[in-house]
């Protein structure tokens, strides 16, 4: 069975998400450190792979891939990942603005 590039990217993103989850479980009590940073980088790489897979699938299908259960779950898991990164960036910006005493913040 020959798999297409988008399916391979989805599988690779799943592997990256699994590795990131295991690293985060190992560093559960520590929110900082080298291992937690590596887990964050692997999580971002998995998200980029998943978005690339969605874009390739949409280009090949000529529509947004949300027509069946597999595509819908893949799309909404990507949306959840995007929401997480949006929340994380907002929280990071809040902390740094608070530390900088709102000199450079909107």
C-alpha atoms as a PDB file:
ATOM      1  CA  UNK A   1       0.000   0.000   0.000  1.00  0.00           C
ATOM      2  CA  UNK A   2       1.466   3.323  -1.081  1.00  0.00           C
ATOM      3  CA  UNK A   3       0.869   6.237   1.259  1.00  0.00           C
ATOM      4  CA  UNK A   4       0.819   9.798   0.056  1.00  0.00           C
ATOM      5  CA  UNK A   5       2.988  12.592   1.420  1.00  0.00           C
ATOM      6  CA  UNK A   6       0.205  14.101   3.531  1.00  0.00           C
ATOM      7  CA  UNK A   7      -0.469  10.797   5.308  1.00  0.00           C
ATOM      8  CA  UNK A   8       3.239  10.341   5.990  1.00  0.00           C
ATOM      9  CA  UNK A   9       3.372  13.854   7.454  1.00  0.00           C
ATOM     10  CA  UNK A  10       0.386  13.062   9.685  1.00  0.00           C
ATOM     11  CA  UNK A  11       2.098   9.911  10.948  1.00  0.00           C
ATOM     12  CA  UNK A  12       5.312  11.801  11.558  1.00  0.00           C
ATOM     13  CA  UNK A  13       3.408  14.543  13.411  1.00  0.00           C
ATOM     14  CA  UNK A  14       1.783  11.844  15.560  1.00  0.00           C
ATOM     15  CA  UNK A  15       5.229  10.458  16.429  1.00  0.00           C
ATOM     16  CA  UNK A  16       6.464  13.960  17.325  1.00  0.00           C
ATOM     17  CA  UNK A  17       3.367  14.573  19.485  1.00  0.00           C
ATOM     18  CA  UNK A  18       3.901  11.257  21.283  1.00  0.00           C
ATOM     19  CA  UNK A  19       7.577  11.990  21.971  1.00  0.00           C
ATOM     20  CA  UNK A  20       6.694  15.481  23.182  1.00  0.00           C
ATOM     21  CA  UNK A  21       4.013  14.098  25.488  1.00  0.00           C
ATOM     22  CA  UNK A  22       6.449  11.599  26.995  1.00  0.00           C
ATOM     23  CA  UNK A  23       9.025  14.342  27.559  1.00  0.00           C
ATOM     24  CA  UNK A  24       6.393  16.575  29.172  1.00  0.00           C
ATOM     25  CA  UNK A  25       5.356  13.697  31.439  1.00  0.00           C
ATOM     26  CA  UNK A  26       8.991  13.247  32.496  1.00  0.00           C
ATOM     27  CA  UNK A  27       9.237  16.953  33.336  1.00  0.00           C
ATOM     28  CA  UNK A  28       5.791  17.255  34.891  1.00  0.00           C
ATOM     29  CA  UNK A  29       6.922  18.998  38.062  1.00  0.00           C
ATOM     30  CA  UNK A  30       9.429  21.273  36.322  1.00  0.00           C
ATOM     31  CA  UNK A  31       8.097  23.846  33.867  1.00  0.00           C
ATOM     32  CA  UNK A  32      11.565  24.990  32.851  1.00  0.00           C
ATOM     33  CA  UNK A  33      14.785  23.278  31.968  1.00  0.00           C
ATOM     34  CA  UNK A  34      16.528  21.861  28.961  1.00  0.00           C
ATOM     35  CA  UNK A  35      14.306  18.783  28.668  1.00  0.00           C
ATOM     36  CA  UNK A  36      11.104  20.860  28.791  1.00  0.00           C
ATOM     37  CA  UNK A  37      12.515  23.139  26.083  1.00  0.00           C
ATOM     38  CA  UNK A  38      13.270  20.131  23.902  1.00  0.00           C
ATOM     39  CA  UNK A  39       9.707  18.906  24.413  1.00  0.00           C
ATOM     40  CA  UNK A  40       8.366  22.279  23.354  1.00  0.00           C
ATOM     41  CA  UNK A  41      10.510  22.306  20.212  1.00  0.00           C
ATOM     42  CA  UNK A  42       9.358  18.797  19.291  1.00  0.00           C
ATOM     43  CA  UNK A  43       5.732  19.832  19.877  1.00  0.00           C
ATOM     44  CA  UNK A  44       6.134  22.817  17.555  1.00  0.00           C
ATOM     45  CA  UNK A  45       7.767  20.634  14.901  1.00  0.00           C
ATOM     46  CA  UNK A  46       4.852  18.192  15.106  1.00  0.00           C
ATOM     47  CA  UNK A  47       2.397  21.030  14.702  1.00  0.00           C
ATOM     48  CA  UNK A  48       4.252  22.336  11.639  1.00  0.00           C
ATOM     49  CA  UNK A  49       4.207  18.844  10.123  1.00  0.00           C
ATOM     50  CA  UNK A  50       0.482  18.512  10.757  1.00  0.00           C
ATOM     51  CA  UNK A  51      -0.256  21.906   9.187  1.00  0.00           C
ATOM     52  CA  UNK A  52       1.906  20.971   6.188  1.00  0.00           C
ATOM     53  CA  UNK A  53      -0.037  17.726   5.832  1.00  0.00           C
ATOM     54  CA  UNK A  54      -3.346  19.606   5.950  1.00  0.00           C
ATOM     55  CA  UNK A  55      -2.182  22.110   3.339  1.00  0.00           C
ATOM     56  CA  UNK A  56      -0.946  19.367   1.001  1.00  0.00           C
ATOM     57  CA  UNK A  57      -4.190  17.442   1.458  1.00  0.00           C
ATOM     58  CA  UNK A  58      -6.254  20.577   0.744  1.00  0.00           C
ATOM     59  CA  UNK A  59      -4.233  21.350  -2.394  1.00  0.00           C
ATOM     60  CA  UNK A  60      -4.599  17.796  -3.689  1.00  0.00           C
ATOM     61  CA  UNK A  61      -8.340  17.666  -2.947  1.00  0.00           C
ATOM     62  CA  UNK A  62      -9.072  21.268  -4.078  1.00  0.00           C
ATOM     63  CA  UNK A  63     -11.143  21.903  -0.923  1.00  0.00           C
ATOM     64  CA  UNK A  64     -10.680  22.097   2.834  1.00  0.00           C
ATOM     65  CA  UNK A  65     -10.362  18.513   4.094  1.00  0.00           C
ATOM     66  CA  UNK A  66     -13.223  18.252   6.588  1.00  0.00           C
ATOM     67  CA  UNK A  67     -15.643  16.019   4.680  1.00  0.00           C
ATOM     68  CA  UNK A  68     -15.193  12.733   6.549  1.00  0.00           C
ATOM     69  CA  UNK A  69     -14.420  11.685  10.112  1.00  0.00           C
ATOM     70  CA  UNK A  70     -10.661  11.217   9.577  1.00  0.00           C
ATOM     71  CA  UNK A  71     -10.209  14.618   7.985  1.00  0.00           C
ATOM     72  CA  UNK A  72     -12.447  16.353  10.510  1.00  0.00           C
ATOM     73  CA  UNK A  73     -10.580  14.917  13.486  1.00  0.00           C
ATOM     74  CA  UNK A  74      -7.283  15.841  11.901  1.00  0.00           C
ATOM     75  CA  UNK A  75      -8.465  19.391  11.206  1.00  0.00           C
ATOM     76  CA  UNK A  76      -9.887  19.919  14.701  1.00  0.00           C
ATOM     77  CA  UNK A  77      -6.791  18.491  16.391  1.00  0.00           C
ATOM     78  CA  UNK A  78      -4.792  21.023  14.386  1.00  0.00           C
ATOM     79  CA  UNK A  79      -7.196  23.750  15.531  1.00  0.00           C
ATOM     80  CA  UNK A  80      -6.684  22.662  19.146  1.00  0.00           C
ATOM     81  CA  UNK A  81      -2.909  22.843  18.634  1.00  0.00           C
ATOM     82  CA  UNK A  82      -3.262  26.326  17.169  1.00  0.00           C
ATOM     83  CA  UNK A  83      -5.395  27.388  20.161  1.00  0.00           C
ATOM     84  CA  UNK A  84      -2.758  26.073  22.534  1.00  0.00           C
ATOM     85  CA  UNK A  85       0.017  27.992  20.805  1.00  0.00           C
ATOM     86  CA  UNK A  86      -2.136  31.143  20.715  1.00  0.00           C
ATOM     87  CA  UNK A  87      -2.819  30.860  24.444  1.00  0.00           C
ATOM     88  CA  UNK A  88       0.839  30.096  25.193  1.00  0.00           C
ATOM     89  CA  UNK A  89       2.033  33.155  23.240  1.00  0.00           C
ATOM     90  CA  UNK A  90      -0.526  35.411  24.977  1.00  0.00           C
ATOM     91  CA  UNK A  91       0.550  34.102  28.378  1.00  0.00           C
ATOM     92  CA  UNK A  92       4.242  34.541  27.484  1.00  0.00           C
ATOM     93  CA  UNK A  93       3.579  38.096  26.277  1.00  0.00           C
ATOM     94  CA  UNK A  94       1.683  38.899  29.490  1.00  0.00           C
ATOM     95  CA  UNK A  95       4.533  37.636  31.663  1.00  0.00           C
ATOM     96  CA  UNK A  96       7.186  39.540  29.770  1.00  0.00           C
ATOM     97  CA  UNK A  97       5.119  42.738  29.688  1.00  0.00           C
ATOM     98  CA  UNK A  98       4.595  42.448  33.425  1.00  0.00           C
ATOM     99  CA  UNK A  99       8.329  41.971  33.941  1.00  0.00           C
ATOM    100  CA  UNK A 100       9.205  44.897  31.648  1.00  0.00           C
ATOM    101  CA  UNK A 101       6.685  47.101  33.500  1.00  0.00           C
ATOM    102  CA  UNK A 102       4.582  47.644  30.381  1.00  0.00           C
ATOM    103  CA  UNK A 103       7.131  49.846  28.637  1.00  0.00           C
ATOM    104  CA  UNK A 104       6.976  48.046  25.315  1.00  0.00           C
ATOM    105  CA  UNK A 105       3.540  46.413  25.548  1.00  0.00           C
ATOM    106  CA  UNK A 106       0.311  47.388  23.801  1.00  0.00           C
END
